[in-house]
Amino acid sequence: MEIIWTGLVSFYKKDYSLESKTSIYMFFIYGLAVFFEPIYKVFSHFPAALRGGLYCFIIFGIEFLVGSAMKTIKICPWDYSGAKYNIKGVIRLDYAPLWLFAGLYFEFVYLFLSK
């Protein structure tokens, strides 16, 4: 998902090579998505919008904690300092809808794979 996202950002910036990038650290960070399974099992009876909001909140929390820790040792692969709605350069509040839908997408993939 990150490669697609950064490629679309390149397109938006009129770089039609669609150059994308990521960091090897992201594999470990995205691996934390495994913890969504027990969260889903507890909250599966809640409406999708509420679950999506919960996923968004959790993703922001993880992104903030991990990003802040990585920033202190100067290895954080992202920097949102230039964005209007950033918090300490490690999260962007304007990404909330994206994280909400990403959480619901992870849920969809989990349900599909667990059949």
N, C-alpha and C. Protein backbone atom coordinates (compact mmCIF):
# COMPACT_ATOMS: atom_id res chain seq x y z
N MET A 1 0.83 -1.19 0.00
CA MET A 1 0.00 0.00 0.00
C MET A 1 0.87 1.26 0.00
N GLU A 2 1.98 1.22 0.73
CA GLU A 2 2.83 2.40 0.80
C GLU A 2 3.48 2.70 -0.55
N ILE A 3 3.87 1.67 -1.26
CA ILE A 3 4.48 1.88 -2.58
C ILE A 3 3.47 2.52 -3.52
N ILE A 4 2.24 2.04 -3.49
CA ILE A 4 1.18 2.63 -4.33
C ILE A 4 0.95 4.08 -3.91
N TRP A 5 0.86 4.33 -2.61
CA TRP A 5 0.60 5.68 -2.12
C TRP A 5 1.71 6.64 -2.55
N THR A 6 2.98 6.26 -2.33
CA THR A 6 4.07 7.18 -2.68
C THR A 6 4.17 7.36 -4.20
N GLY A 7 3.78 6.33 -4.95
CA GLY A 7 3.72 6.48 -6.40
C GLY A 7 2.65 7.46 -6.83
N LEU A 8 1.50 7.42 -6.16
CA LEU A 8 0.43 8.38 -6.47
C LEU A 8 0.83 9.80 -6.07
N VAL A 9 1.57 9.93 -4.98
CA VAL A 9 2.08 11.24 -4.58
C VAL A 9 3.03 11.76 -5.65
N SER A 10 3.87 10.91 -6.20
CA SER A 10 4.76 11.31 -7.30
C SER A 10 3.95 11.82 -8.48
N PHE A 11 2.89 11.10 -8.82
CA PHE A 11 2.02 11.52 -9.92
C PHE A 11 1.41 12.90 -9.63
N TYR A 12 0.95 13.09 -8.41
CA TYR A 12 0.37 14.38 -8.00
C TYR A 12 1.39 15.52 -8.16
N LYS A 13 2.66 15.20 -7.90
CA LYS A 13 3.73 16.19 -8.03
C LYS A 13 4.25 16.29 -9.45
N LYS A 14 3.53 15.70 -10.38
CA LYS A 14 3.84 15.72 -11.81
C LYS A 14 5.12 14.96 -12.16
N ASP A 15 5.47 13.97 -11.33
CA ASP A 15 6.57 13.05 -11.64
C ASP A 15 5.92 11.80 -12.21
N TYR A 16 5.83 11.76 -13.54
CA TYR A 16 5.09 10.68 -14.19
C TYR A 16 5.87 9.37 -14.26
N SER A 17 7.06 9.36 -13.68
CA SER A 17 7.77 8.09 -13.54
C SER A 17 7.14 7.27 -12.42
N LEU A 18 6.28 7.91 -11.61
CA LEU A 18 5.60 7.29 -10.46
C LEU A 18 6.59 6.68 -9.47
N GLU A 19 7.70 7.37 -9.29
CA GLU A 19 8.72 6.89 -8.36
C GLU A 19 8.11 6.71 -6.98
N SER A 20 8.38 5.57 -6.38
CA SER A 20 7.87 5.22 -5.07
C SER A 20 9.03 4.90 -4.15
N LYS A 21 8.79 5.00 -2.85
CA LYS A 21 9.86 4.63 -1.92
C LYS A 21 9.27 4.14 -0.61
N THR A 22 10.09 3.39 0.10
CA THR A 22 9.75 2.92 1.43
C THR A 22 11.05 2.67 2.18
N SER A 23 10.94 2.14 3.35
CA SER A 23 12.09 1.82 4.18
C SER A 23 11.93 0.39 4.70
N ILE A 24 13.01 -0.30 4.87
CA ILE A 24 12.96 -1.66 5.40
C ILE A 24 12.31 -1.68 6.79
N TYR A 25 12.44 -0.59 7.54
CA TYR A 25 11.80 -0.51 8.85
C TYR A 25 10.28 -0.66 8.76
N MET A 26 9.72 -0.25 7.63
CA MET A 26 8.27 -0.28 7.48
C MET A 26 7.71 -1.70 7.51
N PHE A 27 8.51 -2.69 7.11
CA PHE A 27 8.02 -4.07 7.17
C PHE A 27 7.69 -4.46 8.61
N PHE A 28 8.53 -4.03 9.54
CA PHE A 28 8.29 -4.35 10.94
C PHE A 28 7.11 -3.54 11.49
N ILE A 29 7.03 -2.28 11.09
CA ILE A 29 5.94 -1.43 11.55
C ILE A 29 4.60 -1.95 11.03
N TYR A 30 4.54 -2.25 9.73
CA TYR A 30 3.29 -2.78 9.16
C TYR A 30 2.98 -4.17 9.70
N GLY A 31 4.00 -4.87 10.16
CA GLY A 31 3.78 -6.18 10.77
C GLY A 31 2.94 -6.09 12.04
N LEU A 32 2.89 -4.92 12.65
CA LEU A 32 2.07 -4.73 13.83
C LEU A 32 0.59 -4.87 13.52
N ALA A 33 0.23 -4.88 12.24
CA ALA A 33 -1.17 -5.05 11.85
C ALA A 33 -1.73 -6.38 12.32
N VAL A 34 -0.86 -7.32 12.68
CA VAL A 34 -1.33 -8.61 13.19
C VAL A 34 -2.17 -8.43 14.45
N PHE A 35 -1.97 -7.33 15.15
CA PHE A 35 -2.72 -7.08 16.38
C PHE A 35 -4.15 -6.60 16.10
N PHE A 36 -4.48 -6.37 14.84
CA PHE A 36 -5.84 -5.99 14.51
C PHE A 36 -6.80 -7.17 14.62
N GLU A 37 -6.30 -8.39 14.51
CA GLU A 37 -7.17 -9.55 14.60
C GLU A 37 -7.91 -9.62 15.94
N PRO A 38 -7.19 -9.56 17.07
CA PRO A 38 -7.94 -9.61 18.34
C PRO A 38 -8.83 -8.39 18.54
N ILE A 39 -8.41 -7.25 18.01
CA ILE A 39 -9.24 -6.05 18.13
C ILE A 39 -10.53 -6.25 17.34
N TYR A 40 -10.38 -6.78 16.12
CA TYR A 40 -11.57 -7.04 15.30
C TYR A 40 -12.52 -8.01 16.00
N LYS A 41 -11.95 -9.06 16.59
CA LYS A 41 -12.79 -10.07 17.23
C LYS A 41 -13.60 -9.48 18.38
N VAL A 42 -13.04 -8.53 19.11
CA VAL A 42 -13.75 -7.90 20.21
C VAL A 42 -14.81 -6.92 19.71
N PHE A 43 -14.48 -6.18 18.65
CA PHE A 43 -15.35 -5.10 18.21
C PHE A 43 -16.12 -5.41 16.92
N SER A 44 -16.15 -6.66 16.49
CA SER A 44 -16.77 -7.01 15.20
C SER A 44 -18.26 -6.68 15.15
N HIS A 45 -18.92 -6.64 16.29
CA HIS A 45 -20.36 -6.35 16.30
C HIS A 45 -20.65 -4.84 16.27
N PHE A 46 -19.63 -4.01 16.36
CA PHE A 46 -19.81 -2.56 16.30
C PHE A 46 -20.01 -2.14 14.85
N PRO A 47 -20.65 -1.00 14.61
CA PRO A 47 -20.80 -0.50 13.24
C PRO A 47 -19.44 -0.24 12.59
N ALA A 48 -19.38 -0.38 11.27
CA ALA A 48 -18.12 -0.23 10.54
C ALA A 48 -17.47 1.14 10.78
N ALA A 49 -18.26 2.19 10.83
CA ALA A 49 -17.69 3.53 11.04
C ALA A 49 -16.99 3.62 12.40
N LEU A 50 -17.56 3.01 13.41
CA LEU A 50 -16.95 3.02 14.74
C LEU A 50 -15.67 2.18 14.75
N ARG A 51 -15.72 1.01 14.12
CA ARG A 51 -14.51 0.18 14.02
C ARG A 51 -13.42 0.92 13.24
N GLY A 52 -13.80 1.56 12.15
CA GLY A 52 -12.84 2.32 11.35
C GLY A 52 -12.20 3.43 12.16
N GLY A 53 -13.02 4.12 12.95
CA GLY A 53 -12.48 5.17 13.81
C GLY A 53 -11.52 4.62 14.84
N LEU A 54 -11.84 3.47 15.39
CA LEU A 54 -10.96 2.81 16.35
C LEU A 54 -9.64 2.44 15.68
N TYR A 55 -9.71 1.85 14.49
CA TYR A 55 -8.49 1.50 13.76
C TYR A 55 -7.64 2.75 13.50
N CYS A 56 -8.30 3.83 13.10
CA CYS A 56 -7.60 5.09 12.83
C CYS A 56 -6.88 5.57 14.09
N PHE A 57 -7.57 5.55 15.20
CA PHE A 57 -6.98 5.98 16.47
C PHE A 57 -5.77 5.12 16.83
N ILE A 58 -5.89 3.82 16.65
CA ILE A 58 -4.79 2.91 16.97
C ILE A 58 -3.61 3.13 16.03
N ILE A 59 -3.90 3.27 14.75
CA ILE A 59 -2.82 3.51 13.78
C ILE A 59 -2.11 4.82 14.10
N PHE A 60 -2.87 5.88 14.40
CA PHE A 60 -2.24 7.15 14.79
C PHE A 60 -1.37 6.95 16.03
N GLY A 61 -1.86 6.22 17.00
CA GLY A 61 -1.09 5.99 18.22
C GLY A 61 0.22 5.28 17.95
N ILE A 62 0.14 4.22 17.15
CA ILE A 62 1.36 3.46 16.81
C ILE A 62 2.30 4.34 15.99
N GLU A 63 1.74 5.04 15.01
CA GLU A 63 2.57 5.90 14.16
C GLU A 63 3.25 6.98 15.00
N PHE A 64 2.53 7.54 15.96
CA PHE A 64 3.12 8.58 16.80
C PHE A 64 4.22 8.01 17.70
N LEU A 65 3.93 6.91 18.37
CA LEU A 65 4.93 6.33 19.28
C LEU A 65 6.18 5.85 18.54
N VAL A 66 5.96 5.09 17.47
CA VAL A 66 7.10 4.56 16.72
C VAL A 66 7.85 5.68 16.02
N GLY A 67 7.10 6.60 15.39
CA GLY A 67 7.75 7.71 14.70
C GLY A 67 8.55 8.59 15.65
N SER A 68 8.00 8.87 16.82
CA SER A 68 8.71 9.69 17.80
C SER A 68 9.99 8.99 18.26
N ALA A 69 9.90 7.70 18.54
CA ALA A 69 11.09 6.94 18.97
C ALA A 69 12.15 6.92 17.86
N MET A 70 11.69 6.68 16.64
CA MET A 70 12.64 6.64 15.52
C MET A 70 13.26 8.01 15.25
N LYS A 71 12.47 9.05 15.46
CA LYS A 71 12.97 10.41 15.24
C LYS A 71 14.08 10.75 16.23
N THR A 72 13.95 10.27 17.48
CA THR A 72 14.97 10.58 18.48
C THR A 72 16.33 9.97 18.13
N ILE A 73 16.32 8.85 17.42
CA ILE A 73 17.60 8.24 17.01
C ILE A 73 17.87 8.47 15.52
N LYS A 74 17.11 9.41 14.94
CA LYS A 74 17.33 9.90 13.57
C LYS A 74 17.23 8.81 12.49
N ILE A 75 16.26 7.90 12.65
CA ILE A 75 16.04 6.89 11.62
C ILE A 75 14.60 6.86 11.11
N CYS A 76 13.81 7.89 11.44
CA CYS A 76 12.41 7.91 11.02
C CYS A 76 12.33 8.12 9.50
N PRO A 77 11.70 7.18 8.78
CA PRO A 77 11.67 7.30 7.32
C PRO A 77 10.63 8.29 6.79
N TRP A 78 9.84 8.89 7.66
CA TRP A 78 8.88 9.89 7.20
C TRP A 78 9.01 11.16 8.03
N ASP A 79 8.65 12.27 7.41
CA ASP A 79 8.68 13.56 8.09
C ASP A 79 7.53 14.40 7.56
N TYR A 80 6.55 14.63 8.39
CA TYR A 80 5.37 15.39 8.00
C TYR A 80 5.45 16.84 8.49
N SER A 81 6.62 17.29 8.87
CA SER A 81 6.77 18.62 9.44
C SER A 81 6.21 19.72 8.54
N GLY A 82 6.28 19.55 7.25
CA GLY A 82 5.81 20.57 6.33
C GLY A 82 4.30 20.53 6.09
N ALA A 83 3.64 19.51 6.59
CA ALA A 83 2.19 19.37 6.37
C ALA A 83 1.43 20.25 7.36
N LYS A 84 0.30 20.75 6.92
CA LYS A 84 -0.49 21.69 7.71
C LYS A 84 -0.98 21.09 9.04
N TYR A 85 -1.49 19.88 9.00
CA TYR A 85 -2.12 19.29 10.20
C TYR A 85 -1.25 18.20 10.82
N ASN A 86 0.05 18.48 10.95
CA ASN A 86 0.94 17.48 11.52
C ASN A 86 1.06 17.66 13.03
N ILE A 87 1.40 16.58 13.69
CA ILE A 87 1.73 16.62 15.11
C ILE A 87 3.15 16.12 15.26
N LYS A 88 4.03 17.03 15.64
CA LYS A 88 5.46 16.76 15.84
C LYS A 88 6.12 16.13 14.61
N GLY A 89 5.54 16.32 13.46
CA GLY A 89 6.12 15.82 12.21
C GLY A 89 5.97 14.32 12.01
N VAL A 90 5.29 13.62 12.94
CA VAL A 90 5.20 12.16 12.80
C VAL A 90 3.81 11.64 12.46
N ILE A 91 2.78 12.44 12.66
CA ILE A 91 1.46 12.04 12.17
C ILE A 91 0.80 13.23 11.48
N ARG A 92 -0.09 12.92 10.55
CA ARG A 92 -0.87 13.94 9.85
C ARG A 92 -2.34 13.68 10.11
N LEU A 93 -2.98 14.62 10.76
CA LEU A 93 -4.39 14.45 11.09
C LEU A 93 -5.27 14.40 9.84
N ASP A 94 -4.81 15.02 8.75
CA ASP A 94 -5.60 14.98 7.52
C ASP A 94 -5.58 13.60 6.87
N TYR A 95 -4.75 12.70 7.38
CA TYR A 95 -4.73 11.32 6.89
C TYR A 95 -5.75 10.44 7.61
N ALA A 96 -6.49 11.00 8.55
CA ALA A 96 -7.45 10.21 9.34
C ALA A 96 -8.41 9.40 8.46
N PRO A 97 -9.03 9.98 7.44
CA PRO A 97 -9.93 9.17 6.61
C PRO A 97 -9.21 8.02 5.91
N LEU A 98 -7.97 8.26 5.51
CA LEU A 98 -7.20 7.19 4.85
C LEU A 98 -6.93 6.04 5.82
N TRP A 99 -6.57 6.37 7.05
CA TRP A 99 -6.30 5.32 8.04
C TRP A 99 -7.58 4.60 8.43
N LEU A 100 -8.69 5.32 8.49
CA LEU A 100 -9.97 4.69 8.79
C LEU A 100 -10.28 3.62 7.74
N PHE A 101 -10.17 4.00 6.47
CA PHE A 101 -10.46 3.06 5.40
C PHE A 101 -9.39 1.96 5.29
N ALA A 102 -8.16 2.29 5.60
CA ALA A 102 -7.11 1.26 5.60
C ALA A 102 -7.41 0.20 6.65
N GLY A 103 -7.84 0.63 7.83
CA GLY A 103 -8.21 -0.33 8.88
C GLY A 103 -9.34 -1.23 8.45
N LEU A 104 -10.35 -0.66 7.81
CA LEU A 104 -11.47 -1.47 7.32
C LEU A 104 -11.02 -2.38 6.18
N TYR A 105 -10.07 -1.93 5.38
CA TYR A 105 -9.53 -2.77 4.31
C TYR A 105 -8.77 -3.95 4.91
N PHE A 106 -7.96 -3.70 5.93
CA PHE A 106 -7.24 -4.79 6.60
C PHE A 106 -8.23 -5.81 7.15
N GLU A 107 -9.34 -5.30 7.68
CA GLU A 107 -10.40 -6.17 8.20
C GLU A 107 -10.97 -7.03 7.07
N PHE A 108 -11.24 -6.42 5.93
CA PHE A 108 -11.76 -7.14 4.77
C PHE A 108 -10.78 -8.24 4.33
N VAL A 109 -9.51 -7.90 4.26
CA VAL A 109 -8.49 -8.89 3.86
C VAL A 109 -8.43 -10.02 4.88
N TYR A 110 -8.47 -9.67 6.16
CA TYR A 110 -8.45 -10.69 7.22
C TYR A 110 -9.64 -11.64 7.05
N LEU A 111 -10.83 -11.09 6.86
CA LEU A 111 -12.03 -11.95 6.72
C LEU A 111 -11.94 -12.80 5.48
N PHE A 112 -11.41 -12.25 4.40
CA PHE A 112 -11.27 -13.01 3.15
C PHE A 112 -10.28 -14.17 3.33
N LEU A 113 -9.16 -13.89 3.98
CA LEU A 113 -8.12 -14.91 4.16
C LEU A 113 -8.49 -15.95 5.21
N SER A 114 -9.39 -15.62 6.11
CA SER A 114 -9.73 -16.56 7.18
C SER A 114 -10.90 -17.47 6.80
N LYS A 115 -11.37 -17.39 5.57
CA LYS A 115 -12.46 -18.27 5.13
C LYS A 115 -12.00 -19.70 5.03
